[in-house]
Structures are given as C-alpha cells and as structure tokens.
C-alpha cells in the first residue's frame, strides 16, 4: 500500500470541537487507553467524513485496524449528532434573527442497494437512497436536518412524519417549499403547478424560486462532505451522519 501526505480544507476550530467531544466522552465513560488520542481520532473521523475515504484506507493512514477506524467513526458521529439542533431550536433561532420565513427542502443520500430493495428507491432521483429533510434560513444557513426515511418516501409525506409544517406555524413563521410540498399545509407556500399559466403566476414562481434558492445551496454545502454523496454503511445511519455533518458545518461556518 502506498502512502501520501494530504490536507483537509477545514479549520482548527472544527477539529477542536470534535476532539473536545471525544475527550469529554472518554472522561465520562472512564475509557481506558486507546491507540489514538482524542485529537488523532478526531482527525481520522474528519478525514473519513469530508473525503469519503473507505475505512481500510483511512485506517492504514493512521496506523490502526479497519475495525478500529469503523468504531471510532461510528462513536464520534453518534456523539456529534446528539449536539445537532432540534427543529424547534432551529426555528427559535430563525425568530431571534428576525427572519419571516424558512426554506424547506428534501434531498436524497444515495446508498448502495440492489434493485429488489424498493423501499430505498426514489422515483424522483432514479436511484436508491434515504430521504433527508432540511430546513434552512433565508441566507442559506442550515437550521435543522431530519433523521432518515427510505428514499421511496415522498417529500410531503416525510414533512408530515416530522411535523415540519405544524412546527413552522407554531413558531409564527412561514415556509417556502418546492412543488414536492404542494398540499402539505397553508403554512408552507409552494409554486403554482400546471402548464399554460398566466404571466403573473410565472412571475410569482420566478420570485419564489429566487427566495428558495439558498435552501438548495444549503444542501450543496452539506454534500461538500463526500460521505453524504454515497453511503457505504447501513442506510439507516444516514440521518445520524447528516446531523453530525450539520454540527461540523455550523462550526466551520462560524
């Protein structure tokens, strides 16, 4: 196996957050000596999440076994996901910032599945994966990401599962969603559907798309972490990994 020096386009504060999380967990559980110290474990996890490298490769680079790397990543992502804001916390932040609305969007976290696994197949994206709902601020800041549902679940149904519209309304805010959320709730405004629309509806849809575009940028920022481009683990962990990435992305942005 060949080795080479590489770099991560992340700040020191993101590494410090991850290392502090690991160090606190070890102290709380009375963990005994481990092969890597908290800083090195944090760096291993960040390399896996941001670059999407397989466990065997990242383990070899840090001089540990593949199973050890897998345990380190699974442990740390769970600890980080626990720090992710809830939907209510995200909406309260939107209120404190003075925003009048939030953006609701869904994305598919691709995974390796066979054709027989129909619950994971998204007809919209034409691939297998897990449905993740995202609520973003008007400036593109991610406020909340959901846990995962099979890719076959439609965005409207997923939003109902997580009660997104009800919580947005209870927070005194409005939501903007794409055509996949038509019929969800009066609290979530969607574009007009159908062909041959009058000019005023076309203009309204154009303005709606401009206001909604930062939400798409939010998802693109999350997927800069290559682990979210295609999962090589159990698809049920998609929500946990996404929420861990959310915590890291928020720290990186601040």
Protein backbone atom coordinates (compact mmCIF):
# COMPACT_ATOMS: atom_id res chain seq x y z
CA UNK A 1 0.00 0.00 0.00
CA UNK A 2 1.24 3.50 -0.87
CA UNK A 3 1.05 6.48 1.49
CA UNK A 4 0.99 10.20 0.76
CA UNK A 5 0.56 13.50 2.59
CA UNK A 6 -2.78 15.22 2.22
CA UNK A 7 -4.80 18.13 3.65
CA UNK A 8 -8.35 18.83 4.79
CA UNK A 9 -9.99 22.17 3.91
CA UNK A 10 -11.27 22.57 7.47
CA UNK A 11 -10.45 25.00 10.27
CA UNK A 12 -8.77 24.24 13.57
CA UNK A 13 -11.97 25.07 15.47
CA UNK A 14 -13.77 22.16 13.77
CA UNK A 15 -11.01 19.79 14.84
CA UNK A 16 -11.10 21.22 18.36
CA UNK A 17 -14.87 20.71 18.62
CA UNK A 18 -14.57 17.08 17.53
CA UNK A 19 -11.60 16.37 19.80
CA UNK A 20 -13.33 18.02 22.78
CA UNK A 21 -16.43 15.91 22.17
CA UNK A 22 -14.33 12.72 22.15
CA UNK A 23 -12.28 13.76 25.19
CA UNK A 24 -15.41 14.55 27.21
CA UNK A 25 -16.98 11.21 26.27
CA UNK A 26 -13.85 9.28 27.31
CA UNK A 27 -13.73 11.08 30.66
CA UNK A 28 -17.43 10.48 31.29
CA UNK A 29 -17.26 6.77 30.49
CA UNK A 30 -13.89 6.17 32.12
CA UNK A 31 -12.45 4.87 28.87
CA UNK A 32 -9.05 3.20 29.17
CA UNK A 33 -6.03 3.74 26.93
CA UNK A 34 -6.71 3.82 23.20
CA UNK A 35 -4.44 3.60 20.20
CA UNK A 36 -5.19 7.19 19.10
CA UNK A 37 -5.56 10.23 21.35
CA UNK A 38 -8.73 12.39 21.00
CA UNK A 39 -7.11 14.77 18.51
CA UNK A 40 -5.92 11.95 16.25
CA UNK A 41 -9.27 10.19 16.46
CA UNK A 42 -10.99 13.47 15.57
CA UNK A 43 -8.70 13.92 12.57
CA UNK A 44 -9.43 10.36 11.39
CA UNK A 45 -13.18 10.95 11.62
CA UNK A 46 -12.99 14.30 9.80
CA UNK A 47 -10.91 12.72 7.03
CA UNK A 48 -13.50 9.98 6.58
CA UNK A 49 -16.49 12.35 6.63
CA UNK A 50 -15.08 15.09 4.44
CA UNK A 51 -13.16 12.99 1.91
CA UNK A 52 -15.36 9.89 2.00
CA UNK A 53 -12.36 7.56 2.15
CA UNK A 54 -13.14 3.89 2.87
CA UNK A 55 -12.35 2.61 6.36
CA UNK A 56 -9.50 0.42 5.14
CA UNK A 57 -7.69 3.36 3.58
CA UNK A 58 -8.17 5.85 6.39
CA UNK A 59 -7.25 3.16 8.95
CA UNK A 60 -3.99 2.41 7.16
CA UNK A 61 -3.11 6.10 7.10
CA UNK A 62 -3.49 6.37 10.88
CA UNK A 63 -1.87 3.04 11.69
CA UNK A 64 -4.94 1.33 13.15
CA UNK A 65 -7.08 -1.61 12.12
CA UNK A 66 -10.11 -1.27 9.87
CA UNK A 67 -12.46 -2.36 12.68
CA UNK A 68 -10.93 0.25 14.99
CA UNK A 69 -11.45 3.00 12.42
CA UNK A 70 -15.05 1.86 11.98
CA UNK A 71 -15.66 2.02 15.74
CA UNK A 72 -14.03 5.46 16.02
CA UNK A 73 -16.20 6.88 13.22
CA UNK A 74 -19.41 5.31 14.48
CA UNK A 75 -18.78 6.51 18.04
CA UNK A 76 -17.87 10.06 17.05
CA UNK A 77 -20.70 10.58 14.57
CA UNK A 78 -23.19 9.49 17.23
CA UNK A 79 -21.70 11.96 19.73
CA UNK A 80 -21.77 14.81 17.22
CA UNK A 81 -25.32 14.01 16.08
CA UNK A 82 -26.51 14.40 19.68
CA UNK A 83 -25.38 18.04 19.52
CA UNK A 84 -27.42 18.84 16.40
CA UNK A 85 -30.22 21.38 16.93
CA UNK A 86 -33.78 20.16 17.07
CA UNK A 87 -36.35 21.62 14.69
CA UNK A 88 -37.83 23.77 17.45
CA UNK A 89 -34.37 25.11 18.32
CA UNK A 90 -33.69 25.92 14.68
CA UNK A 91 -36.98 27.76 14.33
CA UNK A 92 -36.35 29.72 17.52
CA UNK A 93 -33.01 30.79 16.07
CA UNK A 94 -34.85 31.99 12.96
CA UNK A 95 -37.17 34.06 15.14
CA UNK A 96 -34.26 35.60 17.06
CA UNK A 97 -32.59 36.55 13.77
CA UNK A 98 -35.76 38.31 12.68
CA UNK A 99 -36.39 36.10 9.65
CA UNK A 100 -40.00 35.97 8.47
CA UNK A 101 -39.73 32.63 6.71
CA UNK A 102 -37.63 29.49 6.39
CA UNK A 103 -36.91 27.24 3.42
CA UNK A 104 -37.98 23.60 3.42
CA UNK A 105 -36.32 21.17 1.05
CA UNK A 106 -35.54 17.48 0.78
CA UNK A 107 -32.57 15.59 -0.54
CA UNK A 108 -31.57 12.01 -1.22
CA UNK A 109 -28.49 10.49 0.40
CA UNK A 110 -27.51 7.80 -2.10
CA UNK A 111 -26.65 4.32 -0.89
CA UNK A 112 -25.67 1.01 -2.43
CA UNK A 113 -28.80 -1.13 -2.71
CA UNK A 114 -29.97 -3.82 -5.10
CA UNK A 115 -33.00 -3.40 -7.35
CA UNK A 116 -35.14 -5.61 -5.10
CA UNK A 117 -34.94 -3.07 -2.27
CA UNK A 118 -37.87 -0.98 -3.48
CA UNK A 119 -38.37 0.97 -0.23
CA UNK A 120 -34.98 2.62 -0.81
CA UNK A 121 -35.62 3.53 -4.45
CA UNK A 122 -36.52 7.15 -5.22
CA UNK A 123 -38.54 7.52 -8.41
CA UNK A 124 -37.70 11.25 -8.47
CA UNK A 125 -33.94 10.74 -8.34
CA UNK A 126 -33.90 7.35 -10.13
CA UNK A 127 -31.58 5.81 -7.55
CA UNK A 128 -31.54 4.15 -4.13
CA UNK A 129 -31.06 6.23 -1.04
CA UNK A 130 -32.52 7.77 2.09
CA UNK A 131 -34.78 10.83 2.30
CA UNK A 132 -33.49 13.70 4.45
CA UNK A 133 -35.48 16.87 5.13
CA UNK A 134 -33.65 20.18 5.55
CA UNK A 135 -34.86 23.49 6.97
CA UNK A 136 -32.67 26.48 6.08
CA UNK A 137 -32.63 30.20 6.78
CA UNK A 138 -33.18 32.80 4.02
CA UNK A 139 -29.41 33.40 3.90
CA UNK A 140 -28.67 29.69 3.39
CA UNK A 141 -27.67 28.84 6.96
CA UNK A 142 -28.79 25.28 7.81
CA UNK A 143 -31.16 25.29 10.79
CA UNK A 144 -32.11 21.62 11.03
CA UNK A 145 -31.83 18.28 9.30
CA UNK A 146 -34.11 15.34 9.93
CA UNK A 147 -33.41 11.73 10.64
CA UNK A 148 -33.70 9.45 7.63
CA UNK A 149 -36.59 7.75 5.86
CA UNK A 150 -36.41 5.32 2.90
CA UNK A 151 -35.87 7.00 -0.46
CA UNK A 152 -39.30 5.93 -1.73
CA UNK A 153 -40.94 8.28 0.81
CA UNK A 154 -42.20 11.45 -0.90
CA UNK A 155 -41.12 14.83 0.49
CA UNK A 156 -44.68 15.72 1.51
CA UNK A 157 -45.07 12.51 3.47
CA UNK A 158 -41.65 12.97 5.08
CA UNK A 159 -42.59 16.51 6.12
CA UNK A 160 -45.73 15.15 7.74
CA UNK A 161 -43.77 12.49 9.59
CA UNK A 162 -41.51 15.12 11.14
CA UNK A 163 -44.43 17.59 11.59
CA UNK A 164 -42.45 20.33 9.86
CA UNK A 165 -45.41 22.48 8.77
CA UNK A 166 -47.08 22.34 12.19
CA UNK A 167 -43.91 23.44 13.95
CA UNK A 168 -43.24 26.23 11.47
CA UNK A 169 -46.76 27.53 12.00
CA UNK A 170 -46.47 27.22 15.79
CA UNK A 171 -43.26 29.28 15.64
CA UNK A 172 -45.11 32.06 13.85
CA UNK A 173 -43.11 31.65 10.65
CA UNK A 174 -43.84 30.79 7.05
CA UNK A 175 -42.19 28.11 4.97
CA UNK A 176 -41.18 28.07 1.31
CA UNK A 177 -41.09 24.71 -0.45
CA UNK A 178 -40.83 23.41 -3.99
CA UNK A 179 -43.65 21.67 -5.90
CA UNK A 180 -42.98 18.49 -3.96
CA UNK A 181 -44.72 20.07 -0.96
CA UNK A 182 -47.93 21.16 -2.71
CA UNK A 183 -50.88 20.31 -0.47
CA UNK A 184 -48.79 19.98 2.69
CA UNK A 185 -50.10 22.98 4.61
CA UNK A 186 -51.09 26.60 4.22
CA UNK A 187 -48.02 27.43 6.31
CA UNK A 188 -45.72 26.22 3.50
CA UNK A 189 -46.01 28.23 0.29
CA UNK A 190 -45.29 26.37 -2.95
CA UNK A 191 -45.05 27.39 -6.62
CA UNK A 192 -48.05 27.22 -8.92
CA UNK A 193 -48.31 23.96 -10.85
CA UNK A 194 -49.63 23.24 -14.33
CA UNK A 195 -48.97 24.34 -17.87
CA UNK A 196 -50.21 27.44 -19.65
CA UNK A 197 -50.07 29.58 -16.53
CA UNK A 198 -50.81 33.31 -16.85
CA UNK A 199 -47.87 35.69 -16.71
CA UNK A 200 -48.50 36.74 -13.13
CA UNK A 201 -48.22 33.14 -11.95
CA UNK A 202 -45.00 32.70 -13.90
CA UNK A 203 -43.61 35.86 -12.31
CA UNK A 204 -44.66 34.65 -8.86
CA UNK A 205 -42.94 31.31 -9.45
CA UNK A 206 -39.78 33.09 -10.56
CA UNK A 207 -39.66 35.20 -7.39
CA UNK A 208 -40.46 32.12 -5.30
CA UNK A 209 -37.51 30.26 -6.86
CA UNK A 210 -35.16 33.16 -6.07
CA UNK A 211 -36.20 33.16 -2.42
CA UNK A 212 -35.92 29.37 -2.23
CA UNK A 213 -32.52 29.05 -3.91
CA UNK A 214 -30.44 29.48 -0.71
CA UNK A 215 -32.01 26.24 0.54
CA UNK A 216 -30.54 24.39 -2.41
CA UNK A 217 -27.18 25.97 -1.63
CA UNK A 218 -27.50 24.70 1.94
CA UNK A 219 -27.84 21.13 0.72
CA UNK A 220 -24.88 21.62 -1.62
CA UNK A 221 -22.77 22.80 1.33
CA UNK A 222 -23.69 19.73 3.36
CA UNK A 223 -22.82 17.48 0.44
CA UNK A 224 -19.38 19.01 0.20
CA UNK A 225 -18.74 16.37 2.85
CA UNK A 226 -18.17 13.47 0.48
CA UNK A 227 -19.55 10.86 2.88
CA UNK A 228 -23.03 12.19 2.01
CA UNK A 229 -22.57 11.62 -1.72
CA UNK A 230 -22.86 7.85 -1.37
CA UNK A 231 -23.12 5.88 1.85
CA UNK A 232 -21.03 2.74 2.22
CA UNK A 233 -22.64 1.79 5.53
CA UNK A 234 -26.09 0.83 6.77
CA UNK A 235 -28.56 3.26 5.11
CA UNK A 236 -30.39 3.67 8.42
CA UNK A 237 -27.40 5.69 9.65
CA UNK A 238 -27.94 8.39 7.01
CA UNK A 239 -29.82 10.67 9.40
CA UNK A 240 -27.24 10.35 12.15
CA UNK A 241 -24.34 11.05 9.77
CA UNK A 242 -26.15 14.03 8.23
CA UNK A 243 -26.81 15.54 11.65
CA UNK A 244 -23.16 15.04 12.61
CA UNK A 245 -22.11 16.82 9.42
CA UNK A 246 -24.60 19.62 10.23
CA UNK A 247 -22.86 20.23 13.58
CA UNK A 248 -19.45 20.33 11.91
CA UNK A 249 -20.66 22.58 9.07
CA UNK A 250 -22.20 25.05 11.53
CA UNK A 251 -18.94 25.22 13.47
CA UNK A 252 -16.95 25.62 10.27
CA UNK A 253 -19.20 28.47 9.08
CA UNK A 254 -18.92 30.35 12.37
